[in-house]
Amino acid sequence: MDFKKMREYTHEEFVDLVLSLNEEQLLELSAKYGGYPVLFRMALDDRISHIPFIQTGAAIIIRNENGQILLQERTDRNKWGLPGGCQDLGEDLKTTAVRETYEETGIKLDSNEIELIDTLSGKSRKNSYPNGDIVYNNTSLYLANVSMKDASNLKGDSETKRLKFFNPNEVPENLIDADLIKSYITYLNRK
């Protein structure tokens, strides 16, 4: 199905479009516009869009052979974070982590080769988007080890300003995911 660019719809046109689609078409639309939770938030009436929303998703620590972790500088806020994003309807969270990694970095991972580090939720996962939406993310954090060869052809998507590896204790201060990185450091200290 052909859809216009997200910004080409008025709010009413977008709601009418969502109402006209079946489940399969909604999944196709949500894949085009950043995932199901984003689609849901976009369909909310502006008068209630300030109501906090719970989102489920995954993030991933991509660690190179030097023990450095890959961060993504995001275009929407000029802050650094881990690759990751919202879970699509019916999607396993490992699959979410693998899909988001590929979309945001160009790195192809095998979901059987990533390890669950932790699941984080609560106030530390509160996030505000530039449009005013407020969400509380329930985030499964995974770890993937990559070779320098796998990480040599990084390519971001429209959400990515740049990608760069950092030592875990030397990450930029303007982080979106400070709690996730803290959880990773705790994980390292337990090993």
N, C-alpha and C. Protein backbone atom coordinates (compact mmCIF):
# COMPACT_ATOMS: atom_id res chain seq x y z
N MET A 1 0.84 -1.17 0.00
CA MET A 1 0.00 0.00 0.00
C MET A 1 0.89 1.24 0.00
N ASP A 2 0.49 2.26 -0.74
CA ASP A 2 1.25 3.51 -0.78
C ASP A 2 0.71 4.49 0.25
N PHE A 3 1.63 5.03 1.05
CA PHE A 3 1.27 6.03 2.04
C PHE A 3 2.05 7.30 1.77
N LYS A 4 1.45 8.42 2.10
CA LYS A 4 2.15 9.69 2.00
C LYS A 4 3.18 9.77 3.12
N LYS A 5 4.04 10.77 3.04
CA LYS A 5 4.95 11.02 4.14
C LYS A 5 4.14 11.46 5.35
N MET A 6 4.63 11.11 6.53
CA MET A 6 3.89 11.37 7.77
C MET A 6 3.44 12.82 7.89
N ARG A 7 4.32 13.75 7.59
CA ARG A 7 4.03 15.17 7.76
C ARG A 7 3.04 15.72 6.73
N GLU A 8 2.73 14.94 5.70
CA GLU A 8 1.79 15.38 4.67
C GLU A 8 0.33 15.18 5.06
N TYR A 9 0.09 14.44 6.15
CA TYR A 9 -1.27 14.21 6.63
C TYR A 9 -1.64 15.27 7.66
N THR A 10 -2.87 15.75 7.58
CA THR A 10 -3.39 16.50 8.72
C THR A 10 -3.72 15.46 9.79
N HIS A 11 -3.94 15.90 11.01
CA HIS A 11 -4.27 14.96 12.08
C HIS A 11 -5.55 14.20 11.74
N GLU A 12 -6.56 14.92 11.25
CA GLU A 12 -7.84 14.27 10.92
C GLU A 12 -7.67 13.26 9.78
N GLU A 13 -6.88 13.61 8.76
CA GLU A 13 -6.63 12.67 7.66
C GLU A 13 -5.93 11.42 8.17
N PHE A 14 -4.99 11.61 9.09
CA PHE A 14 -4.26 10.48 9.61
C PHE A 14 -5.18 9.55 10.41
N VAL A 15 -6.03 10.13 11.25
CA VAL A 15 -6.97 9.33 12.03
C VAL A 15 -7.91 8.58 11.09
N ASP A 16 -8.41 9.25 10.06
CA ASP A 16 -9.29 8.59 9.08
C ASP A 16 -8.56 7.43 8.40
N LEU A 17 -7.28 7.64 8.07
CA LEU A 17 -6.49 6.57 7.45
C LEU A 17 -6.39 5.38 8.40
N VAL A 18 -6.03 5.63 9.65
CA VAL A 18 -5.89 4.55 10.64
C VAL A 18 -7.21 3.79 10.79
N LEU A 19 -8.32 4.51 10.84
CA LEU A 19 -9.62 3.86 10.98
C LEU A 19 -9.97 2.97 9.78
N SER A 20 -9.41 3.28 8.62
CA SER A 20 -9.76 2.54 7.40
C SER A 20 -8.93 1.28 7.19
N LEU A 21 -7.90 1.07 7.99
CA LEU A 21 -6.97 -0.02 7.74
C LEU A 21 -7.26 -1.25 8.59
N ASN A 22 -6.94 -2.43 8.03
CA ASN A 22 -7.03 -3.66 8.81
C ASN A 22 -5.70 -3.87 9.56
N GLU A 23 -5.61 -4.93 10.36
CA GLU A 23 -4.44 -5.15 11.19
C GLU A 23 -3.15 -5.24 10.37
N GLU A 24 -3.18 -5.97 9.28
CA GLU A 24 -1.98 -6.13 8.44
C GLU A 24 -1.54 -4.78 7.87
N GLN A 25 -2.50 -3.99 7.42
CA GLN A 25 -2.18 -2.67 6.87
C GLN A 25 -1.66 -1.73 7.96
N LEU A 26 -2.21 -1.85 9.18
CA LEU A 26 -1.71 -1.03 10.30
C LEU A 26 -0.26 -1.38 10.61
N LEU A 27 0.09 -2.66 10.54
CA LEU A 27 1.47 -3.06 10.77
C LEU A 27 2.38 -2.48 9.69
N GLU A 28 1.93 -2.49 8.46
CA GLU A 28 2.71 -1.92 7.36
C GLU A 28 2.91 -0.41 7.57
N LEU A 29 1.83 0.27 7.94
CA LEU A 29 1.91 1.70 8.19
C LEU A 29 2.83 1.99 9.38
N SER A 30 2.70 1.21 10.45
CA SER A 30 3.52 1.45 11.63
C SER A 30 5.00 1.22 11.32
N ALA A 31 5.32 0.26 10.47
CA ALA A 31 6.71 0.02 10.09
C ALA A 31 7.28 1.22 9.34
N LYS A 32 6.45 1.87 8.57
CA LYS A 32 6.89 3.03 7.79
C LYS A 32 7.09 4.26 8.69
N TYR A 33 6.35 4.35 9.77
CA TYR A 33 6.37 5.56 10.60
C TYR A 33 6.97 5.37 11.99
N GLY A 34 7.86 4.40 12.16
CA GLY A 34 8.60 4.32 13.41
C GLY A 34 8.07 3.35 14.44
N GLY A 35 7.17 2.47 14.06
CA GLY A 35 6.68 1.46 14.99
C GLY A 35 5.28 1.74 15.48
N TYR A 36 4.69 0.70 16.02
CA TYR A 36 3.29 0.79 16.44
C TYR A 36 3.04 1.84 17.52
N PRO A 37 3.87 1.93 18.57
CA PRO A 37 3.60 2.97 19.57
C PRO A 37 3.62 4.38 18.98
N VAL A 38 4.50 4.62 18.02
CA VAL A 38 4.56 5.93 17.37
C VAL A 38 3.26 6.17 16.59
N LEU A 39 2.82 5.16 15.87
CA LEU A 39 1.56 5.25 15.13
C LEU A 39 0.41 5.56 16.08
N PHE A 40 0.37 4.89 17.20
CA PHE A 40 -0.70 5.09 18.18
C PHE A 40 -0.66 6.52 18.72
N ARG A 41 0.53 6.99 19.08
CA ARG A 41 0.65 8.35 19.60
C ARG A 41 0.24 9.39 18.57
N MET A 42 0.58 9.15 17.30
CA MET A 42 0.23 10.09 16.24
C MET A 42 -1.28 10.19 16.05
N ALA A 43 -1.99 9.12 16.35
CA ALA A 43 -3.44 9.10 16.15
C ALA A 43 -4.20 9.73 17.31
N LEU A 44 -3.52 10.03 18.42
CA LEU A 44 -4.20 10.63 19.56
C LEU A 44 -4.66 12.05 19.24
N ASP A 45 -5.77 12.40 19.81
CA ASP A 45 -6.27 13.77 19.71
C ASP A 45 -5.27 14.69 20.41
N ASP A 46 -4.95 15.82 19.80
CA ASP A 46 -3.99 16.76 20.39
C ASP A 46 -4.35 17.15 21.81
N ARG A 47 -5.64 17.16 22.14
CA ARG A 47 -6.05 17.57 23.48
C ARG A 47 -5.63 16.58 24.55
N ILE A 48 -5.36 15.33 24.17
CA ILE A 48 -4.95 14.33 25.17
C ILE A 48 -3.56 13.76 24.89
N SER A 49 -2.84 14.33 23.95
CA SER A 49 -1.53 13.78 23.61
C SER A 49 -0.51 13.96 24.73
N HIS A 50 -0.80 14.79 25.71
CA HIS A 50 0.11 15.00 26.84
C HIS A 50 0.01 13.88 27.89
N ILE A 51 -0.96 12.99 27.74
CA ILE A 51 -1.12 11.90 28.70
C ILE A 51 0.05 10.93 28.53
N PRO A 52 0.81 10.64 29.61
CA PRO A 52 1.93 9.71 29.49
C PRO A 52 1.47 8.35 28.96
N PHE A 53 2.32 7.75 28.18
CA PHE A 53 2.03 6.51 27.46
C PHE A 53 3.14 5.51 27.80
N ILE A 54 2.80 4.24 27.96
CA ILE A 54 3.80 3.21 28.20
C ILE A 54 4.18 2.58 26.86
N GLN A 55 5.49 2.50 26.61
CA GLN A 55 6.01 1.87 25.39
C GLN A 55 6.94 0.73 25.78
N THR A 56 6.87 -0.33 25.02
CA THR A 56 7.79 -1.44 25.21
C THR A 56 8.76 -1.46 24.05
N GLY A 57 10.02 -1.69 24.36
CA GLY A 57 11.02 -1.72 23.30
C GLY A 57 12.30 -2.40 23.75
N ALA A 58 13.31 -2.26 22.92
CA ALA A 58 14.60 -2.88 23.19
C ALA A 58 15.71 -1.91 22.81
N ALA A 59 16.81 -2.02 23.52
CA ALA A 59 18.03 -1.30 23.19
C ALA A 59 19.17 -2.30 23.23
N ILE A 60 20.28 -1.92 22.61
CA ILE A 60 21.36 -2.89 22.53
C ILE A 60 22.71 -2.21 22.72
N ILE A 61 23.55 -2.87 23.49
CA ILE A 61 24.95 -2.49 23.64
C ILE A 61 25.68 -3.24 22.54
N ILE A 62 26.24 -2.52 21.60
CA ILE A 62 27.06 -3.14 20.56
C ILE A 62 28.51 -2.88 20.97
N ARG A 63 29.20 -3.97 21.31
CA ARG A 63 30.56 -3.87 21.85
C ARG A 63 31.57 -4.38 20.83
N ASN A 64 32.59 -3.56 20.55
CA ASN A 64 33.62 -3.99 19.61
C ASN A 64 34.73 -4.75 20.33
N GLU A 65 35.72 -5.18 19.58
CA GLU A 65 36.81 -6.00 20.12
C GLU A 65 37.65 -5.26 21.16
N ASN A 66 37.57 -3.93 21.17
CA ASN A 66 38.32 -3.12 22.14
C ASN A 66 37.50 -2.83 23.39
N GLY A 67 36.30 -3.40 23.49
CA GLY A 67 35.45 -3.16 24.65
C GLY A 67 34.68 -1.86 24.59
N GLN A 68 34.76 -1.17 23.46
CA GLN A 68 34.03 0.09 23.30
C GLN A 68 32.59 -0.20 22.89
N ILE A 69 31.69 0.73 23.23
CA ILE A 69 30.28 0.57 22.89
C ILE A 69 29.86 1.62 21.87
N LEU A 70 28.94 1.22 21.01
CA LEU A 70 28.48 2.09 19.93
C LEU A 70 27.32 2.96 20.40
N LEU A 71 27.46 4.26 20.18
CA LEU A 71 26.37 5.19 20.48
C LEU A 71 25.96 5.90 19.20
N GLN A 72 24.71 6.32 19.23
CA GLN A 72 24.09 7.00 18.09
C GLN A 72 23.74 8.42 18.53
N GLU A 73 24.24 9.41 17.81
CA GLU A 73 23.80 10.78 18.07
C GLU A 73 22.53 10.98 17.26
N ARG A 74 21.45 11.30 17.94
CA ARG A 74 20.13 11.36 17.31
C ARG A 74 19.88 12.72 16.68
N THR A 75 19.18 12.70 15.56
CA THR A 75 18.88 13.95 14.84
C THR A 75 17.76 14.74 15.51
N ASP A 76 16.87 14.07 16.26
CA ASP A 76 15.71 14.77 16.80
C ASP A 76 16.00 15.53 18.09
N ARG A 77 17.15 15.26 18.76
CA ARG A 77 17.42 15.96 20.01
C ARG A 77 18.88 16.30 20.24
N ASN A 78 19.74 15.93 19.32
CA ASN A 78 21.17 16.18 19.49
C ASN A 78 21.71 15.58 20.78
N LYS A 79 21.23 14.40 21.11
CA LYS A 79 21.71 13.65 22.26
C LYS A 79 22.16 12.28 21.79
N TRP A 80 23.00 11.66 22.60
CA TRP A 80 23.54 10.34 22.29
C TRP A 80 22.71 9.26 23.00
N GLY A 81 22.57 8.14 22.34
CA GLY A 81 21.86 7.01 22.92
C GLY A 81 22.29 5.71 22.27
N LEU A 82 21.75 4.65 22.77
CA LEU A 82 22.01 3.32 22.22
C LEU A 82 21.07 3.05 21.06
N PRO A 83 21.49 2.24 20.11
CA PRO A 83 20.55 1.80 19.09
C PRO A 83 19.39 1.06 19.77
N GLY A 84 18.20 1.29 19.28
CA GLY A 84 17.04 0.62 19.85
C GLY A 84 15.77 1.34 19.46
N GLY A 85 14.66 0.77 19.89
CA GLY A 85 13.39 1.39 19.57
C GLY A 85 12.21 0.56 20.03
N CYS A 86 11.06 0.95 19.52
CA CYS A 86 9.79 0.36 19.93
C CYS A 86 9.57 -1.02 19.33
N GLN A 87 8.90 -1.84 20.10
CA GLN A 87 8.50 -3.17 19.67
C GLN A 87 7.30 -3.04 18.73
N ASP A 88 7.35 -3.74 17.60
CA ASP A 88 6.20 -3.81 16.72
C ASP A 88 5.21 -4.85 17.24
N LEU A 89 3.96 -4.74 16.83
CA LEU A 89 2.95 -5.70 17.25
C LEU A 89 3.38 -7.12 16.90
N GLY A 90 3.29 -8.02 17.88
CA GLY A 90 3.60 -9.42 17.64
C GLY A 90 5.08 -9.74 17.54
N GLU A 91 5.94 -8.76 17.77
CA GLU A 91 7.38 -8.95 17.61
C GLU A 91 8.04 -9.35 18.92
N ASP A 92 8.93 -10.31 18.87
CA ASP A 92 9.75 -10.70 20.02
C ASP A 92 10.76 -9.58 20.27
N LEU A 93 11.07 -9.29 21.53
CA LEU A 93 11.97 -8.18 21.85
C LEU A 93 13.39 -8.39 21.33
N LYS A 94 13.85 -9.64 21.24
CA LYS A 94 15.15 -9.88 20.62
C LYS A 94 15.13 -9.46 19.16
N THR A 95 14.01 -9.74 18.50
CA THR A 95 13.85 -9.34 17.10
C THR A 95 13.83 -7.82 16.98
N THR A 96 13.18 -7.16 17.95
CA THR A 96 13.17 -5.70 17.97
C THR A 96 14.59 -5.17 18.03
N ALA A 97 15.40 -5.71 18.93
CA ALA A 97 16.78 -5.25 19.08
C ALA A 97 17.58 -5.45 17.80
N VAL A 98 17.42 -6.60 17.17
CA VAL A 98 18.15 -6.90 15.94
C VAL A 98 17.68 -5.99 14.80
N ARG A 99 16.37 -5.80 14.67
CA ARG A 99 15.82 -4.95 13.61
C ARG A 99 16.29 -3.51 13.78
N GLU A 100 16.15 -2.99 14.99
CA GLU A 100 16.55 -1.61 15.24
C GLU A 100 18.05 -1.40 15.02
N THR A 101 18.86 -2.39 15.40
CA THR A 101 20.30 -2.31 15.17
C THR A 101 20.59 -2.15 13.69
N TYR A 102 19.95 -2.97 12.88
CA TYR A 102 20.19 -2.89 11.43
C TYR A 102 19.70 -1.56 10.87
N GLU A 103 18.50 -1.13 11.27
CA GLU A 103 17.95 0.12 10.75
C GLU A 103 18.82 1.31 11.12
N GLU A 104 19.34 1.33 12.34
CA GLU A 104 20.04 2.51 12.84
C GLU A 104 21.55 2.48 12.68
N THR A 105 22.12 1.29 12.38
CA THR A 105 23.59 1.20 12.26
C THR A 105 24.07 0.48 11.01
N GLY A 106 23.21 -0.32 10.39
CA GLY A 106 23.62 -1.14 9.26
C GLY A 106 24.27 -2.45 9.66
N ILE A 107 24.38 -2.71 10.96
CA ILE A 107 24.99 -3.96 11.43
C ILE A 107 23.93 -5.05 11.49
N LYS A 108 24.21 -6.18 10.84
CA LYS A 108 23.29 -7.32 10.87
C LYS A 108 23.70 -8.26 12.00
N LEU A 109 22.74 -8.54 12.87
CA LEU A 109 22.98 -9.43 14.00
C LEU A 109 22.06 -10.64 13.90
N ASP A 110 22.44 -11.70 14.59
CA ASP A 110 21.62 -12.90 14.73
C ASP A 110 20.97 -12.84 16.11
N SER A 111 19.66 -12.94 16.18
CA SER A 111 18.96 -12.83 17.47
C SER A 111 19.37 -13.93 18.44
N ASN A 112 19.89 -15.05 17.93
CA ASN A 112 20.35 -16.13 18.81
C ASN A 112 21.71 -15.84 19.42
N GLU A 113 22.37 -14.80 18.95
CA GLU A 113 23.72 -14.49 19.43
C GLU A 113 23.78 -13.22 20.27
N ILE A 114 22.62 -12.70 20.66
CA ILE A 114 22.62 -11.54 21.56
C ILE A 114 22.19 -12.00 22.94
N GLU A 115 22.65 -11.30 23.96
CA GLU A 115 22.41 -11.69 25.34
C GLU A 115 21.60 -10.62 26.07
N LEU A 116 20.59 -11.05 26.81
CA LEU A 116 19.82 -10.13 27.63
C LEU A 116 20.65 -9.72 28.85
N ILE A 117 20.81 -8.42 29.03
CA ILE A 117 21.52 -7.89 30.19
C ILE A 117 20.56 -7.58 31.32
N ASP A 118 19.45 -6.88 30.98
CA ASP A 118 18.54 -6.39 32.00
C ASP A 118 17.27 -5.90 31.32
N THR A 119 16.23 -5.72 32.12
CA THR A 119 15.02 -5.03 31.66
C THR A 119 14.82 -3.85 32.61
N LEU A 120 14.73 -2.67 32.04
CA LEU A 120 14.60 -1.45 32.83
C LEU A 120 13.25 -0.81 32.58
N SER A 121 12.69 -0.26 33.66
CA SER A 121 11.40 0.43 33.57
C SER A 121 11.32 1.44 34.70
N GLY A 122 10.24 2.17 34.76
CA GLY A 122 10.06 3.12 35.84
C GLY A 122 10.49 4.52 35.46
N LYS A 123 10.71 5.34 36.50
CA LYS A 123 10.98 6.76 36.28
C LYS A 123 12.25 7.03 35.50
N SER A 124 13.26 6.16 35.61
CA SER A 124 14.50 6.39 34.86
C SER A 124 14.29 6.25 33.36
N ARG A 125 13.19 5.62 32.95
CA ARG A 125 12.92 5.41 31.53
C ARG A 125 11.90 6.41 30.98
N LYS A 126 11.58 7.45 31.75
CA LYS A 126 10.67 8.49 31.27
C LYS A 126 11.38 9.28 30.18
N ASN A 127 10.64 9.56 29.11
CA ASN A 127 11.22 10.25 27.97
C ASN A 127 10.19 11.23 27.42
N SER A 128 10.64 12.39 27.02
CA SER A 128 9.77 13.38 26.38
C SER A 128 10.28 13.59 24.96
N TYR A 129 9.37 13.58 24.02
CA TYR A 129 9.71 13.79 22.62
C TYR A 129 9.58 15.27 22.27
N PRO A 130 10.26 15.70 21.21
CA PRO A 130 10.18 17.11 20.82
C PRO A 130 8.75 17.61 20.57
N ASN A 131 7.84 16.72 20.19
CA ASN A 131 6.45 17.14 19.93
C ASN A 131 5.62 17.23 21.21
N GLY A 132 6.22 16.92 22.37
CA GLY A 132 5.51 17.01 23.64
C GLY A 132 5.01 15.68 24.18
N ASP A 133 5.04 14.62 23.40
CA ASP A 133 4.62 13.31 23.90
C ASP A 133 5.51 12.89 25.06
N ILE A 134 4.90 12.30 26.08
CA ILE A 134 5.62 11.80 27.23
C ILE A 134 5.40 10.29 27.31
N VAL A 135 6.50 9.55 27.42
CA VAL A 135 6.39 8.10 27.48
C VAL A 135 7.23 7.56 28.63
N TYR A 136 6.81 6.42 29.13
CA TYR A 136 7.60 5.63 30.06
C TYR A 136 7.94 4.35 29.31
N ASN A 137 9.22 4.15 29.06
CA ASN A 137 9.65 2.99 28.28
C ASN A 137 9.95 1.81 29.19
N ASN A 138 9.47 0.65 28.81
CA ASN A 138 9.89 -0.62 29.39
C ASN A 138 10.89 -1.18 28.37
N THR A 139 12.16 -1.23 28.75
CA THR A 139 13.22 -1.51 27.78
C THR A 139 14.01 -2.76 28.16
N SER A 140 14.06 -3.71 27.25
CA SER A 140 14.94 -4.86 27.40
C SER A 140 16.29 -4.48 26.79
N LEU A 141 17.34 -4.62 27.57
CA LEU A 141 18.69 -4.24 27.14
C LEU A 141 19.48 -5.49 26.80
N TYR A 142 20.01 -5.52 25.59
CA TYR A 142 20.76 -6.67 25.09
C TYR A 142 22.22 -6.28 24.84
N LEU A 143 23.05 -7.30 24.68
CA LEU A 143 24.46 -7.12 24.37
C LEU A 143 24.80 -7.94 23.13
N ALA A 144 25.54 -7.31 22.22
CA ALA A 144 26.05 -8.00 21.03
C ALA A 144 27.52 -7.64 20.87
N ASN A 145 28.33 -8.65 20.66
CA ASN A 145 29.74 -8.44 20.38
C ASN A 145 29.93 -8.44 18.88
N VAL A 146 30.64 -7.44 18.38
CA VAL A 146 30.88 -7.35 16.93
C VAL A 146 32.38 -7.22 16.68
N SER A 147 32.78 -7.70 15.53
CA SER A 147 34.18 -7.56 15.13
C SER A 147 34.39 -6.17 14.53
N MET A 148 35.63 -5.77 14.43
CA MET A 148 35.94 -4.48 13.81
C MET A 148 35.46 -4.48 12.35
N LYS A 149 35.52 -5.64 11.71
CA LYS A 149 35.06 -5.75 10.32
C LYS A 149 33.55 -5.48 10.25
N ASP A 150 32.77 -6.09 11.18
CA ASP A 150 31.32 -5.88 11.19
C ASP A 150 30.96 -4.42 11.42
N ALA A 151 31.80 -3.73 12.19
CA ALA A 151 31.51 -2.34 12.56
C ALA A 151 32.19 -1.32 11.64
N SER A 152 32.80 -1.79 10.56
CA SER A 152 33.56 -0.87 9.70
C SER A 152 32.69 -0.11 8.71
N ASN A 153 31.51 -0.59 8.42
CA ASN A 153 30.64 0.07 7.43
C ASN A 153 29.36 0.57 8.08
N LEU A 154 29.50 1.34 9.13
CA LEU A 154 28.33 1.84 9.83
C LEU A 154 27.55 2.80 8.95
N LYS A 155 26.22 2.67 8.97
CA LYS A 155 25.38 3.61 8.23
C LYS A 155 24.09 3.79 9.01
N GLY A 156 23.80 5.02 9.34
CA GLY A 156 22.62 5.33 10.11
C GLY A 156 21.41 5.57 9.24
N ASP A 157 20.27 5.74 9.90
CA ASP A 157 19.03 6.06 9.21
C ASP A 157 18.69 7.53 9.43
N SER A 158 17.45 7.90 9.18
CA SER A 158 17.05 9.30 9.31
C SER A 158 17.08 9.79 10.77
N GLU A 159 17.11 8.87 11.74
CA GLU A 159 17.18 9.23 13.16
C GLU A 159 18.62 9.45 13.62
N THR A 160 19.59 9.15 12.75
CA THR A 160 20.99 9.12 13.14
C THR A 160 21.77 10.28 12.54
N LYS A 161 22.38 11.08 13.42
CA LYS A 161 23.28 12.12 12.97
C LYS A 161 24.66 11.52 12.73
N ARG A 162 25.13 10.73 13.70
CA ARG A 162 26.39 10.01 13.55
C ARG A 162 26.46 8.86 14.53
N LEU A 163 27.37 7.94 14.25
CA LEU A 163 27.61 6.75 15.07
C LEU A 163 29.07 6.73 15.47
N LYS A 164 29.32 6.41 16.74
CA LYS A 164 30.71 6.42 17.21
C LYS A 164 30.85 5.47 18.39
N PHE A 165 32.01 4.79 18.45
CA PHE A 165 32.33 3.91 19.57
C PHE A 165 33.00 4.72 20.69
N PHE A 166 32.62 4.40 21.94
CA PHE A 166 33.17 5.06 23.12
C PHE A 166 33.55 4.01 24.14
N ASN A 167 34.55 4.32 24.97
CA ASN A 167 34.80 3.50 26.15
C ASN A 167 33.61 3.70 27.08
N PRO A 168 33.13 2.65 27.74
CA PRO A 168 31.92 2.77 28.56
C PRO A 168 31.98 3.85 29.64
N ASN A 169 33.16 4.13 30.18
CA ASN A 169 33.29 5.15 31.22
C ASN A 169 33.62 6.53 30.66
N GLU A 170 33.61 6.67 29.33
CA GLU A 170 33.96 7.94 28.70
C GLU A 170 32.90 8.36 27.68
N VAL A 171 31.65 8.07 27.98
CA VAL A 171 30.56 8.42 27.06
C VAL A 171 30.23 9.90 27.19
N PRO A 172 29.62 10.51 26.18
CA PRO A 172 29.24 11.92 26.26
C PRO A 172 28.26 12.16 27.41
N GLU A 173 28.25 13.39 27.91
CA GLU A 173 27.35 13.73 29.01
C GLU A 173 25.90 13.88 28.56
N ASN A 174 25.68 14.30 27.32
CA ASN A 174 24.31 14.51 26.84
C ASN A 174 23.73 13.20 26.31
N LEU A 175 23.36 12.33 27.28
CA LEU A 175 22.85 10.99 26.97
C LEU A 175 21.34 10.91 27.14
N ILE A 176 20.72 10.12 26.30
CA ILE A 176 19.32 9.74 26.49
C ILE A 176 19.27 8.52 27.41
N ASP A 177 20.22 7.63 27.26
CA ASP A 177 20.17 6.31 27.89
C ASP A 177 21.19 6.11 29.01
N ALA A 178 21.38 7.10 29.86
CA ALA A 178 22.37 6.98 30.94
C ALA A 178 22.06 5.78 31.84
N ASP A 179 20.78 5.53 32.11
CA ASP A 179 20.41 4.41 32.97
C ASP A 179 20.75 3.06 32.34
N LEU A 180 20.62 2.96 31.03
CA LEU A 180 20.95 1.71 30.34
C LEU A 180 22.45 1.46 30.38
N ILE A 181 23.22 2.51 30.17
CA ILE A 181 24.68 2.36 30.20
C ILE A 181 25.14 2.03 31.62
N LYS A 182 24.51 2.61 32.62
CA LYS A 182 24.82 2.29 34.02
C LYS A 182 24.53 0.81 34.29
N SER A 183 23.42 0.31 33.76
CA SER A 183 23.07 -1.10 33.93
C SER A 183 24.12 -2.00 33.27
N TYR A 184 24.62 -1.57 32.12
CA TYR A 184 25.67 -2.33 31.42
C TYR A 184 26.95 -2.36 32.26
N ILE A 185 27.33 -1.23 32.84
CA ILE A 185 28.54 -1.18 33.67
C ILE A 185 28.38 -2.07 34.90
N THR A 186 27.19 -2.07 35.50
CA THR A 186 26.90 -2.98 36.62
C THR A 186 27.05 -4.43 36.17
N TYR A 187 26.54 -4.74 35.00
CA TYR A 187 26.67 -6.09 34.42
C TYR A 187 28.15 -6.47 34.27
N LEU A 188 28.97 -5.53 33.77
CA LEU A 188 30.39 -5.80 33.60
C LEU A 188 31.07 -6.08 34.94
N ASN A 189 30.68 -5.32 35.96
CA ASN A 189 31.28 -5.48 37.29
C ASN A 189 30.90 -6.81 37.93
N ARG A 190 29.74 -7.37 37.57
CA ARG A 190 29.34 -8.67 38.10
C ARG A 190 30.10 -9.81 37.45
N LYS A 191 30.59 -9.59 36.23
CA LYS A 191 31.27 -10.66 35.48
C LYS A 191 32.63 -10.96 36.02
